Amino acid sequence: MPQIDVVRTYLQMLSPDQLRAAAVHDPRVRVARAAPMPVERYRALYREVGGPYYWRDREAWSDAHLAAYLGDPSVGVWVMTYDGDEAGFFELRAHPEDHSVEIVYFGLVGRFIGRRLGGHLLTRAVEEAWRWGSDAPPDRVWLHTCTLDGPAALPNYRARGFAEYYTQSYPYTVPDAT
C-alpha cells in the first residue's frame, strides 16, 4: 500500500462576526438537526460523504460506542437535504474544557458538490456552532482539514472567515482500493 505525506490544517474563528456567510435561497434546500441520529443513518451518510476522502475514524467504533457518542448532549448532527435527498451533513462537538465548539465532520455527498451548497452548509455549521454547547457562546469555533479532503474544502473554510492557526504533516498509508 502506498504511503503519502498529508498536511493537516487547523482553523478557527474567535468571534461570530468573523463569519462571511454564504446562502442558497432555494426552497429545496433544508438543513435540520437530526435528533436523535440513528447509528445506521449516521454510518451511511458518513460513508457516502467521507468515503472518497478516506474518512475511517468512525468505522472502528462499535454500534454501541457510536450510539453513546451520538447520544452525548455535547454532540449534534445536522443534515442538509436537497429536494428530500440527503446532500450533506455536519457534526458539532462542544469542548467544555476550553470552551470551544469543534466542527468535527463536514461535507457534501458527491453528486451535490459543485452546486454552491458547501458555503451554505458551512455557514449553517458555523451559526449553529456559535449557539452550541453551554448557555454562553463558546470562545472559539474550530475545525481541521487535510490534503486528503476535496480541493474546495480549505478555500471554503477560508472564504467563510476561518483563520489557520496550526499545521502538521504526517505520513498516511493509503488503503487498498479493494
Protein backbone atom coordinates (compact mmCIF):
# COMPACT_ATOMS: atom_id res chain seq x y z
CA MET A 1 0.00 0.00 0.00
CA PRO A 2 1.41 3.39 -0.93
CA GLN A 3 2.29 5.96 1.69
CA ILE A 4 1.80 9.68 1.13
CA ASP A 5 2.54 12.80 3.12
CA VAL A 6 -0.59 14.57 4.35
CA VAL A 7 -0.84 18.12 5.68
CA ARG A 8 -3.50 18.76 8.33
CA THR A 9 -4.55 22.39 8.79
CA TYR A 10 -6.35 23.63 11.90
CA LEU A 11 -8.56 26.71 11.52
CA GLN A 12 -10.63 28.76 13.93
CA MET A 13 -12.97 31.69 14.39
CA LEU A 14 -12.75 33.70 17.57
CA SER A 15 -15.94 35.69 17.06
CA PRO A 16 -19.23 35.16 15.25
CA ASP A 17 -18.52 38.46 13.49
CA GLN A 18 -15.77 36.72 11.51
CA LEU A 19 -18.30 34.62 9.60
CA ARG A 20 -18.63 35.60 5.96
CA ALA A 21 -21.94 33.97 5.24
CA ALA A 22 -22.95 32.27 2.04
CA ALA A 23 -26.56 31.39 1.48
CA VAL A 24 -28.57 29.41 -1.01
CA HIS A 25 -32.11 30.69 -1.41
CA ASP A 26 -33.75 27.57 -2.73
CA PRO A 27 -36.77 26.03 -1.02
CA ARG A 28 -35.50 22.55 -1.98
CA VAL A 29 -32.51 23.04 0.38
CA ARG A 30 -33.08 22.34 4.05
CA VAL A 31 -30.70 21.93 6.97
CA ALA A 32 -32.07 20.41 10.16
CA ARG A 33 -30.69 18.78 13.25
CA ALA A 34 -31.09 15.01 13.30
CA ALA A 35 -32.02 14.33 16.91
CA PRO A 36 -31.84 11.55 17.58
CA MET A 37 -29.38 10.50 14.88
CA PRO A 38 -29.74 6.75 14.30
CA VAL A 39 -26.45 4.88 14.03
CA GLU A 40 -27.37 3.30 10.67
CA ARG A 41 -28.27 6.67 9.13
CA TYR A 42 -25.09 8.26 10.50
CA ARG A 43 -22.89 5.46 9.18
CA ALA A 44 -24.48 5.62 5.72
CA LEU A 45 -24.08 9.39 5.46
CA TYR A 46 -20.56 9.29 6.93
CA ARG A 47 -19.50 6.69 4.34
CA GLU A 48 -21.16 8.45 1.43
CA VAL A 49 -19.68 11.85 2.27
CA GLY A 50 -16.30 10.75 3.58
CA GLY A 51 -15.55 7.61 1.61
CA PRO A 52 -13.70 9.38 -1.22
CA TYR A 53 -11.57 11.24 1.36
CA TYR A 54 -10.55 8.21 3.46
CA TRP A 55 -12.70 9.01 6.47
CA ARG A 56 -12.21 5.93 8.61
CA ASP A 57 -12.30 7.02 12.27
CA ARG A 58 -15.92 6.10 12.94
CA GLU A 59 -15.60 2.76 11.12
CA ALA A 60 -13.58 1.38 14.04
CA TRP A 61 -16.33 2.23 16.52
CA SER A 62 -18.87 -0.39 17.54
CA ASP A 63 -22.55 0.47 17.08
CA ALA A 64 -22.90 0.76 20.86
CA HIS A 65 -19.96 3.15 21.11
CA LEU A 66 -21.24 5.27 18.22
CA ALA A 67 -24.77 5.33 19.67
CA ALA A 68 -23.42 6.53 23.03
CA TYR A 69 -21.35 9.22 21.30
CA LEU A 70 -24.27 10.43 19.17
CA GLY A 71 -26.45 10.49 22.30
CA ASP A 72 -23.97 12.65 24.20
CA PRO A 73 -25.52 16.12 24.77
CA SER A 74 -22.24 17.76 23.72
CA VAL A 75 -22.59 16.25 20.22
CA GLY A 76 -25.05 17.21 17.49
CA VAL A 77 -25.51 16.29 13.84
CA TRP A 78 -27.30 18.38 11.20
CA VAL A 79 -28.27 17.03 7.80
CA MET A 80 -28.73 19.00 4.59
CA THR A 81 -31.36 17.72 2.20
CA TYR A 82 -31.94 18.80 -1.36
CA ASP A 83 -35.45 18.12 -2.60
CA GLY A 84 -35.70 15.42 0.09
CA ASP A 85 -32.39 13.67 -0.74
CA GLU A 86 -29.58 13.74 1.80
CA ALA A 87 -26.97 16.11 0.38
CA GLY A 88 -24.50 16.51 3.26
CA PHE A 89 -24.05 16.91 6.97
CA PHE A 90 -22.04 18.45 9.75
CA GLU A 91 -21.26 17.26 13.24
CA LEU A 92 -20.56 19.58 16.17
CA ARG A 93 -18.97 18.79 19.49
CA ALA A 94 -18.71 21.15 22.45
CA HIS A 95 -15.43 21.02 24.36
CA PRO A 96 -16.18 22.48 27.82
CA GLU A 97 -12.54 22.14 28.93
CA ASP A 98 -11.52 25.01 26.64
CA HIS A 99 -14.98 26.48 25.98
CA SER A 100 -14.82 25.74 22.26
CA VAL A 101 -17.01 24.07 19.68
CA GLU A 102 -15.47 21.85 17.04
CA ILE A 103 -16.92 21.20 13.62
CA VAL A 104 -15.88 17.56 13.78
CA TYR A 105 -17.14 16.47 10.36
CA PHE A 106 -18.48 18.49 7.46
CA GLY A 107 -19.13 17.57 3.87
CA LEU A 108 -21.38 17.02 0.92
CA VAL A 109 -22.48 13.89 -0.88
CA GLY A 110 -20.52 13.71 -4.13
CA ARG A 111 -23.39 14.38 -6.54
CA PHE A 112 -24.15 17.66 -4.72
CA ILE A 113 -20.62 19.06 -4.97
CA GLY A 114 -20.30 21.98 -7.38
CA ARG A 115 -23.80 23.34 -6.76
CA ARG A 116 -22.65 26.08 -4.35
CA LEU A 117 -24.17 24.21 -1.40
CA GLY A 118 -20.91 23.86 0.57
CA GLY A 119 -20.72 27.53 1.52
CA HIS A 120 -24.34 27.48 2.63
CA LEU A 121 -23.87 24.32 4.71
CA LEU A 122 -20.68 25.65 6.30
CA THR A 123 -22.42 28.92 7.13
CA ARG A 124 -25.14 26.96 8.92
CA ALA A 125 -22.50 24.88 10.72
CA VAL A 126 -20.75 28.00 11.99
CA GLU A 127 -24.02 29.65 13.04
CA GLU A 128 -25.07 26.53 14.94
CA ALA A 129 -21.61 26.17 16.48
CA TRP A 130 -21.76 29.65 17.98
CA ARG A 131 -25.05 28.61 19.64
CA TRP A 132 -23.98 25.06 20.58
CA GLY A 133 -22.91 23.69 23.90
CA SER A 134 -23.38 25.62 27.08
CA ASP A 135 -25.56 28.58 27.97
CA ALA A 136 -22.85 31.06 26.95
CA PRO A 137 -21.36 31.30 23.45
CA PRO A 138 -18.06 29.47 23.01
CA ASP A 139 -14.75 31.31 22.94
CA ARG A 140 -13.96 29.85 19.54
CA VAL A 141 -15.23 27.58 16.79
CA TRP A 142 -12.64 25.39 15.16
CA LEU A 143 -12.08 22.55 12.73
CA HIS A 144 -9.37 20.83 10.83
CA THR A 145 -8.99 19.67 7.27
CA CYS A 146 -6.25 17.91 5.39
CA THR A 147 -4.89 17.41 1.92
CA LEU A 148 -6.95 14.20 1.61
CA ASP A 149 -10.14 16.30 1.63
CA GLY A 150 -11.70 17.73 -1.51
CA PRO A 151 -9.94 20.63 -3.21
CA ALA A 152 -12.73 23.06 -2.29
CA ALA A 153 -12.59 22.34 1.47
CA LEU A 154 -9.78 24.65 2.57
CA PRO A 155 -10.82 27.52 0.25
CA ASN A 156 -14.40 27.25 1.58
CA TYR A 157 -13.20 27.43 5.19
CA ARG A 158 -11.08 30.48 4.43
CA ALA A 159 -13.87 32.13 2.43
CA ARG A 160 -16.25 31.77 5.39
CA GLY A 161 -13.76 33.56 7.67
CA PHE A 162 -11.75 30.79 9.32
CA ALA A 163 -8.10 31.58 10.03
CA GLU A 164 -5.34 28.98 10.17
CA TYR A 165 -3.58 28.55 13.49
CA TYR A 166 -1.63 25.30 13.17
CA THR A 167 -0.46 22.86 10.53
CA GLN A 168 1.17 19.48 10.79
CA SER A 169 2.43 16.87 8.36
CA TYR A 170 2.16 13.14 8.81
CA PRO A 171 2.56 10.02 6.70
CA TYR A 172 -0.60 8.21 5.65
CA THR A 173 -0.85 4.73 4.23
CA VAL A 174 -3.47 4.79 1.50
CA PRO A 175 -5.81 1.82 1.97
CA ASP A 176 -6.04 -0.77 -0.75
CA ALA A 177 -8.92 0.08 -3.09
CA THR A 178 -10.36 -3.39 -2.60
